[in-house]
N, C-alpha and C. Protein backbone atom coordinates (compact mmCIF):
# COMPACT_ATOMS: atom_id res chain seq x y z
N MET A 1 -7.43 23.22 11.09
CA MET A 1 -6.31 22.91 11.95
C MET A 1 -5.29 22.09 11.17
N ARG A 2 -4.04 22.40 11.33
CA ARG A 2 -2.96 21.74 10.61
C ARG A 2 -2.73 20.34 11.17
N ASP A 3 -2.58 19.38 10.29
CA ASP A 3 -2.30 18.00 10.68
C ASP A 3 -0.80 17.87 10.93
N ILE A 4 -0.40 17.57 12.16
CA ILE A 4 1.02 17.51 12.50
C ILE A 4 1.61 16.10 12.47
N ARG A 5 0.78 15.11 12.10
CA ARG A 5 1.29 13.75 12.03
C ARG A 5 2.29 13.61 10.89
N ARG A 6 3.25 12.71 11.06
CA ARG A 6 4.19 12.40 9.98
C ARG A 6 3.45 11.66 8.88
N ILE A 7 3.96 11.75 7.67
CA ILE A 7 3.29 11.22 6.49
C ILE A 7 3.87 9.87 6.08
N THR A 8 2.97 8.95 5.72
CA THR A 8 3.35 7.72 5.05
C THR A 8 2.81 7.82 3.63
N LEU A 9 3.71 7.88 2.65
CA LEU A 9 3.31 7.94 1.25
C LEU A 9 3.18 6.51 0.72
N ILE A 10 2.05 6.21 0.12
CA ILE A 10 1.79 4.86 -0.36
C ILE A 10 1.48 4.90 -1.85
N ALA A 11 2.36 4.30 -2.64
CA ALA A 11 2.14 4.17 -4.08
C ALA A 11 1.64 2.75 -4.32
N ARG A 12 0.36 2.64 -4.73
CA ARG A 12 -0.27 1.32 -4.91
C ARG A 12 -0.78 1.17 -6.32
N GLY A 13 -0.53 0.02 -6.88
CA GLY A 13 -1.07 -0.30 -8.19
C GLY A 13 -2.49 -0.85 -8.07
N VAL A 14 -3.18 -0.92 -9.18
CA VAL A 14 -4.57 -1.40 -9.16
C VAL A 14 -4.65 -2.88 -8.81
N ASP A 15 -3.59 -3.63 -9.02
CA ASP A 15 -3.58 -5.06 -8.72
C ASP A 15 -3.03 -5.38 -7.33
N ALA A 16 -2.71 -4.36 -6.56
CA ALA A 16 -2.19 -4.58 -5.21
C ALA A 16 -3.27 -5.22 -4.34
N PRO A 17 -2.89 -6.12 -3.44
CA PRO A 17 -3.89 -6.77 -2.59
C PRO A 17 -4.59 -5.76 -1.68
N LEU A 18 -5.82 -6.06 -1.35
CA LEU A 18 -6.57 -5.19 -0.44
C LEU A 18 -5.97 -5.29 0.95
N ARG A 19 -5.89 -4.15 1.61
CA ARG A 19 -5.38 -4.10 2.98
C ARG A 19 -6.32 -3.23 3.80
N ALA A 20 -6.36 -3.49 5.09
CA ALA A 20 -7.21 -2.71 6.00
C ALA A 20 -6.43 -1.50 6.49
N TRP A 21 -6.16 -0.54 5.59
CA TRP A 21 -5.38 0.65 5.94
C TRP A 21 -6.12 1.47 6.98
N ASP A 22 -5.36 2.02 7.93
CA ASP A 22 -5.95 2.91 8.92
C ASP A 22 -5.68 4.35 8.50
N ALA A 23 -6.57 4.90 7.70
CA ALA A 23 -6.43 6.26 7.20
C ALA A 23 -7.33 7.22 7.97
N SER A 24 -7.77 6.81 9.14
CA SER A 24 -8.65 7.66 9.94
C SER A 24 -7.87 8.84 10.51
N LYS A 25 -8.60 9.85 10.94
CA LYS A 25 -7.95 11.02 11.53
C LYS A 25 -7.31 10.71 12.87
N ASP A 26 -7.65 9.56 13.46
CA ASP A 26 -7.07 9.14 14.74
C ASP A 26 -5.85 8.23 14.58
N SER A 27 -5.48 7.93 13.34
CA SER A 27 -4.34 7.03 13.14
C SER A 27 -3.04 7.73 13.52
N VAL A 28 -2.02 6.93 13.77
CA VAL A 28 -0.72 7.44 14.20
C VAL A 28 -0.04 8.21 13.07
N SER A 29 -0.18 7.72 11.86
CA SER A 29 0.49 8.31 10.70
C SER A 29 -0.56 8.81 9.71
N ARG A 30 -0.24 9.86 9.01
CA ARG A 30 -1.13 10.38 7.98
C ARG A 30 -0.83 9.64 6.68
N LEU A 31 -1.78 8.85 6.20
CA LEU A 31 -1.58 8.06 4.99
C LEU A 31 -2.01 8.86 3.77
N ILE A 32 -1.11 8.96 2.80
CA ILE A 32 -1.42 9.62 1.55
C ILE A 32 -1.16 8.62 0.43
N PHE A 33 -2.22 8.32 -0.32
CA PHE A 33 -2.14 7.35 -1.41
C PHE A 33 -1.91 8.07 -2.73
N VAL A 34 -0.97 7.54 -3.49
CA VAL A 34 -0.70 8.06 -4.83
C VAL A 34 -0.77 6.89 -5.81
N GLU A 35 -1.16 7.20 -7.03
CA GLU A 35 -1.31 6.15 -8.03
C GLU A 35 -0.06 5.93 -8.86
N SER A 36 0.86 6.85 -8.77
CA SER A 36 2.04 6.78 -9.62
C SER A 36 3.31 6.77 -8.78
N PHE A 37 4.20 5.88 -9.14
CA PHE A 37 5.49 5.79 -8.48
C PHE A 37 6.30 7.07 -8.64
N SER A 38 6.18 7.71 -9.80
CA SER A 38 6.97 8.91 -10.08
C SER A 38 6.64 10.08 -9.16
N ILE A 39 5.47 10.09 -8.57
CA ILE A 39 5.07 11.17 -7.67
C ILE A 39 5.91 11.13 -6.39
N LEU A 40 6.38 9.96 -6.00
CA LEU A 40 7.14 9.83 -4.75
C LEU A 40 8.38 10.72 -4.73
N ARG A 41 9.13 10.72 -5.82
CA ARG A 41 10.36 11.53 -5.86
C ARG A 41 10.05 13.02 -5.66
N GLY A 42 9.05 13.52 -6.35
CA GLY A 42 8.69 14.92 -6.22
C GLY A 42 8.24 15.26 -4.82
N ALA A 43 7.48 14.37 -4.21
CA ALA A 43 7.00 14.60 -2.85
C ALA A 43 8.17 14.66 -1.87
N LEU A 44 9.15 13.80 -2.06
CA LEU A 44 10.32 13.80 -1.16
C LEU A 44 11.17 15.05 -1.33
N ASP A 45 11.26 15.53 -2.54
CA ASP A 45 12.05 16.74 -2.78
C ASP A 45 11.45 17.95 -2.06
N HIS A 46 10.13 17.94 -1.87
CA HIS A 46 9.47 19.10 -1.27
C HIS A 46 9.16 18.95 0.21
N ALA A 47 9.06 17.72 0.70
CA ALA A 47 8.63 17.53 2.09
C ALA A 47 9.31 16.36 2.77
N SER A 48 10.59 16.15 2.54
CA SER A 48 11.25 14.96 3.09
C SER A 48 11.26 14.94 4.62
N GLN A 49 11.21 16.11 5.27
CA GLN A 49 11.20 16.14 6.73
C GLN A 49 9.87 15.62 7.29
N ASP A 50 8.79 15.80 6.55
CA ASP A 50 7.47 15.39 7.01
C ASP A 50 7.13 13.95 6.68
N VAL A 51 7.87 13.34 5.76
CA VAL A 51 7.59 11.97 5.32
C VAL A 51 8.34 10.99 6.20
N GLU A 52 7.58 10.10 6.82
CA GLU A 52 8.16 9.10 7.71
C GLU A 52 8.58 7.84 6.97
N ARG A 53 7.80 7.49 5.94
CA ARG A 53 8.12 6.27 5.19
C ARG A 53 7.45 6.30 3.83
N LEU A 54 8.00 5.48 2.92
CA LEU A 54 7.42 5.26 1.59
C LEU A 54 7.05 3.79 1.49
N LEU A 55 5.86 3.52 1.00
CA LEU A 55 5.43 2.16 0.74
C LEU A 55 5.12 2.05 -0.74
N ILE A 56 5.72 1.07 -1.40
CA ILE A 56 5.56 0.90 -2.84
C ILE A 56 5.01 -0.49 -3.08
N GLU A 57 3.84 -0.55 -3.72
CA GLU A 57 3.20 -1.85 -3.93
C GLU A 57 2.55 -1.88 -5.31
N GLY A 58 3.20 -2.60 -6.22
CA GLY A 58 2.62 -2.81 -7.54
C GLY A 58 2.71 -1.63 -8.50
N THR A 59 3.59 -0.66 -8.21
CA THR A 59 3.71 0.49 -9.10
C THR A 59 5.11 0.69 -9.64
N ALA A 60 6.04 -0.19 -9.29
CA ALA A 60 7.43 -0.01 -9.72
C ALA A 60 8.10 -1.36 -9.90
N SER A 61 9.10 -1.36 -10.74
CA SER A 61 9.92 -2.56 -10.92
C SER A 61 11.03 -2.55 -9.88
N ALA A 62 11.72 -3.67 -9.78
CA ALA A 62 12.85 -3.76 -8.84
C ALA A 62 13.93 -2.74 -9.21
N ALA A 63 14.17 -2.55 -10.51
CA ALA A 63 15.18 -1.58 -10.95
C ALA A 63 14.76 -0.16 -10.56
N GLU A 64 13.49 0.17 -10.69
CA GLU A 64 13.02 1.51 -10.30
C GLU A 64 13.15 1.71 -8.80
N PHE A 65 12.89 0.66 -8.03
CA PHE A 65 13.05 0.74 -6.58
C PHE A 65 14.51 1.06 -6.23
N LEU A 66 15.44 0.35 -6.85
CA LEU A 66 16.86 0.60 -6.58
C LEU A 66 17.29 2.00 -7.02
N GLU A 67 16.77 2.46 -8.15
CA GLU A 67 17.07 3.82 -8.61
C GLU A 67 16.56 4.85 -7.60
N LEU A 68 15.37 4.61 -7.05
CA LEU A 68 14.82 5.51 -6.04
C LEU A 68 15.73 5.55 -4.81
N LEU A 69 16.18 4.40 -4.37
CA LEU A 69 17.05 4.35 -3.19
C LEU A 69 18.34 5.15 -3.40
N THR A 70 18.89 5.07 -4.60
CA THR A 70 20.14 5.80 -4.86
C THR A 70 19.92 7.30 -5.00
N ALA A 71 18.68 7.72 -5.24
CA ALA A 71 18.38 9.14 -5.45
C ALA A 71 17.65 9.78 -4.27
N LEU A 72 17.54 9.07 -3.14
CA LEU A 72 16.85 9.66 -2.00
C LEU A 72 17.56 10.91 -1.51
N PRO A 73 16.80 11.95 -1.18
CA PRO A 73 17.45 13.15 -0.62
C PRO A 73 18.15 12.82 0.69
N PRO A 74 19.29 13.42 0.95
CA PRO A 74 20.01 13.14 2.20
C PRO A 74 19.18 13.42 3.45
N ALA A 75 18.24 14.35 3.34
CA ALA A 75 17.42 14.71 4.50
C ALA A 75 16.38 13.63 4.83
N PHE A 76 16.13 12.71 3.89
CA PHE A 76 15.13 11.67 4.13
C PHE A 76 15.75 10.51 4.91
N ILE A 77 15.25 10.28 6.12
CA ILE A 77 15.79 9.20 6.95
C ILE A 77 14.74 8.13 7.23
N GLY A 78 13.66 8.15 6.48
CA GLY A 78 12.58 7.20 6.70
C GLY A 78 12.79 5.87 6.02
N ASP A 79 11.87 4.96 6.28
CA ASP A 79 11.89 3.63 5.67
C ASP A 79 11.35 3.70 4.25
N VAL A 80 11.80 2.76 3.43
CA VAL A 80 11.23 2.56 2.09
C VAL A 80 10.92 1.07 1.99
N LEU A 81 9.64 0.74 1.88
CA LEU A 81 9.21 -0.65 1.80
C LEU A 81 8.69 -0.95 0.40
N PHE A 82 9.34 -1.89 -0.27
CA PHE A 82 8.96 -2.31 -1.62
C PHE A 82 8.27 -3.66 -1.50
N MET A 83 6.95 -3.66 -1.69
CA MET A 83 6.14 -4.88 -1.50
C MET A 83 5.83 -5.50 -2.85
N ARG A 84 6.15 -6.78 -2.96
CA ARG A 84 5.87 -7.52 -4.20
C ARG A 84 4.92 -8.65 -3.87
N ASN A 85 3.77 -8.64 -4.48
CA ASN A 85 2.74 -9.63 -4.22
C ASN A 85 3.23 -11.03 -4.58
N GLY A 86 3.30 -11.91 -3.58
CA GLY A 86 3.69 -13.29 -3.82
C GLY A 86 5.19 -13.50 -3.93
N ASN A 87 5.96 -12.45 -3.88
CA ASN A 87 7.41 -12.56 -3.99
C ASN A 87 8.06 -11.93 -2.77
N SER A 88 9.37 -11.98 -2.74
CA SER A 88 10.09 -11.31 -1.66
C SER A 88 9.85 -9.81 -1.73
N SER A 89 9.77 -9.21 -0.58
CA SER A 89 9.66 -7.76 -0.48
C SER A 89 10.95 -7.26 0.15
N TYR A 90 11.18 -5.95 0.07
CA TYR A 90 12.43 -5.39 0.57
C TYR A 90 12.17 -4.12 1.38
N LEU A 91 12.90 -4.00 2.48
CA LEU A 91 12.81 -2.84 3.35
C LEU A 91 14.17 -2.17 3.42
N SER A 92 14.20 -0.89 3.09
CA SER A 92 15.41 -0.09 3.20
C SER A 92 15.24 0.85 4.39
N THR A 93 16.20 0.80 5.31
CA THR A 93 16.18 1.67 6.49
C THR A 93 17.52 2.37 6.62
N ILE A 94 17.51 3.41 7.40
CA ILE A 94 18.75 4.15 7.64
C ILE A 94 19.65 3.32 8.56
N GLY A 95 20.94 3.31 8.29
CA GLY A 95 21.88 2.56 9.12
C GLY A 95 22.40 3.40 10.28
N ARG A 96 23.10 2.75 11.18
CA ARG A 96 23.67 3.45 12.34
C ARG A 96 24.68 4.50 11.91
N GLY A 97 25.52 4.13 11.01
CA GLY A 97 26.52 5.07 10.51
C GLY A 97 25.96 5.82 9.33
N ASP A 98 26.72 5.86 8.28
CA ASP A 98 26.28 6.53 7.07
C ASP A 98 25.72 5.49 6.11
N GLY A 99 24.62 5.79 5.47
CA GLY A 99 24.07 4.90 4.46
C GLY A 99 22.80 4.20 4.91
N ARG A 100 22.33 3.31 4.05
CA ARG A 100 21.08 2.60 4.28
C ARG A 100 21.33 1.10 4.29
N LEU A 101 20.45 0.37 4.96
CA LEU A 101 20.48 -1.09 5.01
C LEU A 101 19.30 -1.62 4.20
N LEU A 102 19.45 -2.82 3.65
CA LEU A 102 18.40 -3.42 2.85
C LEU A 102 18.11 -4.82 3.39
N TYR A 103 16.84 -5.07 3.71
CA TYR A 103 16.42 -6.36 4.26
C TYR A 103 15.41 -7.02 3.33
N ALA A 104 15.54 -8.33 3.14
CA ALA A 104 14.55 -9.10 2.40
C ALA A 104 13.45 -9.52 3.38
N LEU A 105 12.19 -9.37 2.99
CA LEU A 105 11.06 -9.69 3.86
C LEU A 105 10.13 -10.69 3.20
N THR A 106 9.52 -11.53 4.02
CA THR A 106 8.47 -12.43 3.54
C THR A 106 7.14 -11.69 3.63
N ALA A 107 6.07 -12.29 3.12
CA ALA A 107 4.74 -11.69 3.22
C ALA A 107 4.34 -11.50 4.69
N GLY A 108 4.70 -12.46 5.53
CA GLY A 108 4.41 -12.34 6.96
C GLY A 108 5.17 -11.19 7.60
N ASP A 109 6.41 -10.99 7.18
CA ASP A 109 7.20 -9.87 7.68
C ASP A 109 6.57 -8.53 7.30
N VAL A 110 6.08 -8.44 6.07
CA VAL A 110 5.43 -7.20 5.61
C VAL A 110 4.19 -6.92 6.44
N ASN A 111 3.38 -7.93 6.66
CA ASN A 111 2.18 -7.74 7.49
C ASN A 111 2.56 -7.32 8.91
N PHE A 112 3.60 -7.93 9.46
CA PHE A 112 4.07 -7.56 10.79
C PHE A 112 4.52 -6.09 10.82
N TYR A 113 5.27 -5.67 9.82
CA TYR A 113 5.73 -4.28 9.73
C TYR A 113 4.54 -3.32 9.70
N LEU A 114 3.58 -3.60 8.82
CA LEU A 114 2.42 -2.71 8.68
C LEU A 114 1.59 -2.65 9.96
N GLU A 115 1.42 -3.79 10.61
CA GLU A 115 0.64 -3.83 11.85
C GLU A 115 1.39 -3.17 13.00
N THR A 116 2.69 -3.41 13.09
CA THR A 116 3.50 -2.84 14.18
C THR A 116 3.53 -1.32 14.12
N HIS A 117 3.58 -0.77 12.92
CA HIS A 117 3.58 0.68 12.76
C HIS A 117 2.17 1.25 12.71
N ARG A 118 1.20 0.38 12.97
CA ARG A 118 -0.23 0.74 13.06
C ARG A 118 -0.72 1.42 11.78
N LEU A 119 -0.26 0.89 10.64
CA LEU A 119 -0.71 1.38 9.35
C LEU A 119 -1.93 0.59 8.88
N THR A 120 -2.04 -0.65 9.34
CA THR A 120 -3.18 -1.50 9.03
C THR A 120 -3.71 -2.11 10.32
N ALA A 121 -4.94 -2.61 10.23
CA ALA A 121 -5.52 -3.31 11.38
C ALA A 121 -4.85 -4.68 11.49
N LYS A 122 -4.75 -5.18 12.71
CA LYS A 122 -4.17 -6.51 12.90
C LYS A 122 -5.07 -7.56 12.28
N ALA A 123 -4.46 -8.55 11.69
CA ALA A 123 -5.20 -9.64 11.07
C ALA A 123 -5.86 -10.48 12.18
N ALA A 124 -7.05 -10.95 11.88
CA ALA A 124 -7.74 -11.81 12.84
C ALA A 124 -6.96 -13.11 13.01
N ILE A 125 -6.85 -13.58 14.24
CA ILE A 125 -6.12 -14.81 14.51
C ILE A 125 -7.11 -15.96 14.45
N ALA A 126 -6.79 -16.95 13.63
CA ALA A 126 -7.67 -18.12 13.50
C ALA A 126 -7.58 -18.97 14.74
N ALA A 127 -8.72 -19.49 15.17
CA ALA A 127 -8.75 -20.33 16.37
C ALA A 127 -8.43 -21.75 16.04
């Protein structure tokens, strides 16, 4: 049976922090993990309508992230989240008019984004 869920492409480096990803068949989004940042561009060229978002963690520099944003196919309207361990992270989203918006995020913001989109399990709340 064909999986009709939208795809979240995740490029993660070996030093990326562990996360409780929800890659189960019951998850809202189909998570596909890739080891190389360069694979993201090829995947978008072939399936940009099926890709809901890109998550980049520990596989690209800030300059590579910006180059990716400038080369996104026009058909891609998903989010691009660039996560930097211990540093500011950045979220690029489609704007109301033409173009994309860029937001600086804290580590807490990144966790909120991942949990809200049900990509990871919610963190346990300390009593």
